[in-house]
Amino acid sequence: MTRVFIDTDILLDLITGRHPFGIEAAPLFTLIDQELIGACVSSLSISNLYYILRKFSSHQKVMDKLDLLDSMVEIQEVDGKMIKKALKSPFKDFEDAIQYHCAASNSHISVLITRNIKDFRHAELPVMSPLTFLASWHKARD
């Protein structure tokens, strides 16, 4: 089974229905929900999501959304080794560096999915947008 790592921006797009990006992310989560692909997110993403979503909704509504997300994905811990690698990496955005090193530390991850491809130009792991990933996934199944 293909396993992907999903960046926080994609999660926000889906949960908030941010147009047009939420529509682009939805088919990815349909595949995850149908257990046709596996997905990981970092524990940092969960914290960031709570912080952002709580500005617009009640604690309980945000917790319900995060609980639903938890039922669909594997939450991967961010540890000190990942932080140290991120601190020394050439990434210009520290949060992106943490996300990348979290993804790269899992040998089962085949691609990191984000909308901010340019921010991951130093990545050795393949990085794709949701639409590009979906196109390649469907092509591989044909």
Protein backbone atom coordinates (compact mmCIF):
# COMPACT_ATOMS: atom_id res chain seq x y z
CA MET A 1 0.00 0.00 0.00
CA THR A 2 1.24 3.47 -0.85
CA ARG A 3 1.89 5.59 2.23
CA VAL A 4 1.98 9.37 2.06
CA PHE A 5 2.93 12.12 4.47
CA ILE A 6 0.51 15.05 4.45
CA ASP A 7 1.70 18.56 5.22
CA THR A 8 -0.33 20.88 7.45
CA ASP A 9 -1.45 23.10 4.57
CA ILE A 10 -3.34 20.22 2.95
CA LEU A 11 -5.02 19.35 6.25
CA LEU A 12 -6.10 22.96 6.71
CA ASP A 13 -7.41 23.10 3.15
CA LEU A 14 -9.58 20.08 3.72
CA ILE A 15 -10.85 20.92 7.21
CA THR A 16 -11.64 24.56 6.42
CA GLY A 17 -12.88 23.93 2.88
CA ARG A 18 -10.48 26.59 1.64
CA HIS A 19 -11.37 27.21 -2.02
CA PRO A 20 -10.18 25.78 -4.36
CA PHE A 21 -7.62 23.81 -2.40
CA GLY A 22 -10.07 21.90 -0.20
CA ILE A 23 -11.72 20.50 -3.32
CA GLU A 24 -8.32 19.35 -4.57
CA ALA A 25 -7.52 17.66 -1.24
CA ALA A 26 -10.86 15.84 -0.90
CA PRO A 27 -10.14 12.97 -3.36
CA LEU A 28 -6.90 12.25 -1.49
CA PHE A 29 -8.81 11.82 1.75
CA THR A 30 -11.41 9.67 -0.01
CA LEU A 31 -8.60 7.24 -0.91
CA ILE A 32 -7.36 7.38 2.68
CA ASP A 33 -10.87 6.77 4.04
CA GLN A 34 -11.29 3.82 1.66
CA GLU A 35 -7.91 2.48 2.91
CA LEU A 36 -6.50 2.46 -0.62
CA ILE A 37 -3.56 4.54 0.58
CA GLY A 38 -2.13 5.09 4.04
CA ALA A 39 -1.38 8.51 5.44
CA CYS A 40 0.82 9.99 8.13
CA VAL A 41 0.87 13.45 9.62
CA SER A 42 3.22 14.89 12.18
CA SER A 43 2.23 15.57 15.76
CA LEU A 44 3.32 19.14 15.03
CA SER A 45 0.53 19.39 12.44
CA ILE A 46 -2.07 18.41 15.02
CA SER A 47 -0.86 21.10 17.39
CA ASN A 48 -0.75 23.69 14.60
CA LEU A 49 -4.23 22.73 13.42
CA TYR A 50 -5.66 23.15 16.90
CA TYR A 51 -4.04 26.55 17.30
CA ILE A 52 -5.32 27.82 13.93
CA LEU A 53 -8.80 26.25 13.99
CA ARG A 54 -9.48 27.34 17.57
CA LYS A 55 -9.45 30.96 16.40
CA PHE A 56 -12.61 30.26 14.39
CA SER A 57 -14.46 27.58 16.30
CA SER A 58 -15.13 26.20 19.76
CA HIS A 59 -12.74 23.91 21.55
CA GLN A 60 -15.16 20.96 21.24
CA LYS A 61 -15.76 21.43 17.50
CA VAL A 62 -12.02 21.58 16.86
CA MET A 63 -11.42 18.51 19.01
CA ASP A 64 -14.13 16.63 17.09
CA LYS A 65 -12.43 17.48 13.77
CA LEU A 66 -9.04 16.43 15.10
CA ASP A 67 -10.51 13.21 16.46
CA LEU A 68 -11.94 12.41 13.01
CA LEU A 69 -8.56 13.14 11.43
CA ASP A 70 -6.89 10.89 14.00
CA SER A 71 -9.17 8.03 12.93
CA MET A 72 -7.98 8.37 9.32
CA VAL A 73 -4.23 8.93 9.62
CA GLU A 74 -1.24 7.80 11.61
CA ILE A 75 0.14 10.58 13.77
CA GLN A 76 3.92 10.45 13.77
CA GLU A 77 5.80 11.94 16.70
CA VAL A 78 8.30 14.72 16.15
CA ASP A 79 11.42 13.97 18.18
CA GLY A 80 14.68 15.67 19.06
CA LYS A 81 16.58 14.05 16.18
CA MET A 82 14.15 15.55 13.68
CA ILE A 83 14.44 18.97 15.28
CA LYS A 84 18.24 18.79 15.18
CA LYS A 85 18.17 17.83 11.49
CA ALA A 86 15.71 20.64 10.78
CA LEU A 87 17.96 23.14 12.57
CA LYS A 88 20.88 22.18 10.34
CA SER A 89 18.92 21.82 7.10
CA PRO A 90 18.94 24.28 4.19
CA PHE A 91 15.16 24.75 4.39
CA LYS A 92 14.22 28.42 4.74
CA ASP A 93 11.03 27.64 6.66
CA PHE A 94 11.71 25.86 9.96
CA GLU A 95 8.24 24.31 10.19
CA ASP A 96 8.67 22.85 6.68
CA ALA A 97 12.06 21.47 7.70
CA ILE A 98 10.50 19.74 10.69
CA GLN A 99 7.70 18.30 8.54
CA TYR A 100 10.20 17.06 5.96
CA HIS A 101 12.47 15.37 8.49
CA CYS A 102 9.46 13.79 10.16
CA ALA A 103 8.37 12.38 6.79
CA ALA A 104 11.88 11.32 5.79
CA SER A 105 12.39 9.45 9.06
CA ASN A 106 9.63 6.98 8.14
CA SER A 107 10.92 4.48 5.56
CA HIS A 108 7.35 3.55 4.59
CA ILE A 109 6.58 7.05 3.28
CA SER A 110 6.83 7.27 -0.51
CA VAL A 111 5.85 10.93 -1.00
CA LEU A 112 5.27 14.13 0.93
CA ILE A 113 2.09 15.91 -0.16
CA THR A 114 1.97 19.69 0.12
CA ARG A 115 0.79 22.73 -1.76
CA ASN A 116 4.12 24.47 -1.14
CA ILE A 117 6.33 22.43 -3.47
CA LYS A 118 8.92 25.21 -3.82
CA ASP A 119 9.51 25.23 -0.06
CA PHE A 120 10.74 21.62 -0.29
CA ARG A 121 13.29 22.05 -3.10
CA HIS A 122 16.02 20.55 -0.87
CA ALA A 123 14.00 17.38 -0.29
CA GLU A 124 15.33 13.99 -1.32
CA LEU A 125 11.92 12.42 -0.71
CA PRO A 126 9.48 13.01 -3.60
CA VAL A 127 7.22 16.01 -2.96
CA MET A 128 3.93 16.47 -4.83
CA SER A 129 0.75 18.47 -4.78
CA PRO A 130 -2.47 16.55 -4.13
CA LEU A 131 -3.45 16.76 -7.81
CA THR A 132 -0.06 15.54 -9.04
CA PHE A 133 -0.05 12.68 -6.55
CA LEU A 134 -3.58 11.61 -7.48
CA ALA A 135 -2.74 11.65 -11.18
CA SER A 136 0.37 9.50 -10.64
CA TRP A 137 -1.45 7.15 -8.28
CA HIS A 138 -4.29 6.57 -10.75
CA LYS A 139 -1.83 6.15 -13.64
CA ALA A 140 0.12 3.52 -11.68
CA ARG A 141 -3.10 1.57 -11.08
CA ASP A 142 -4.09 1.55 -14.77
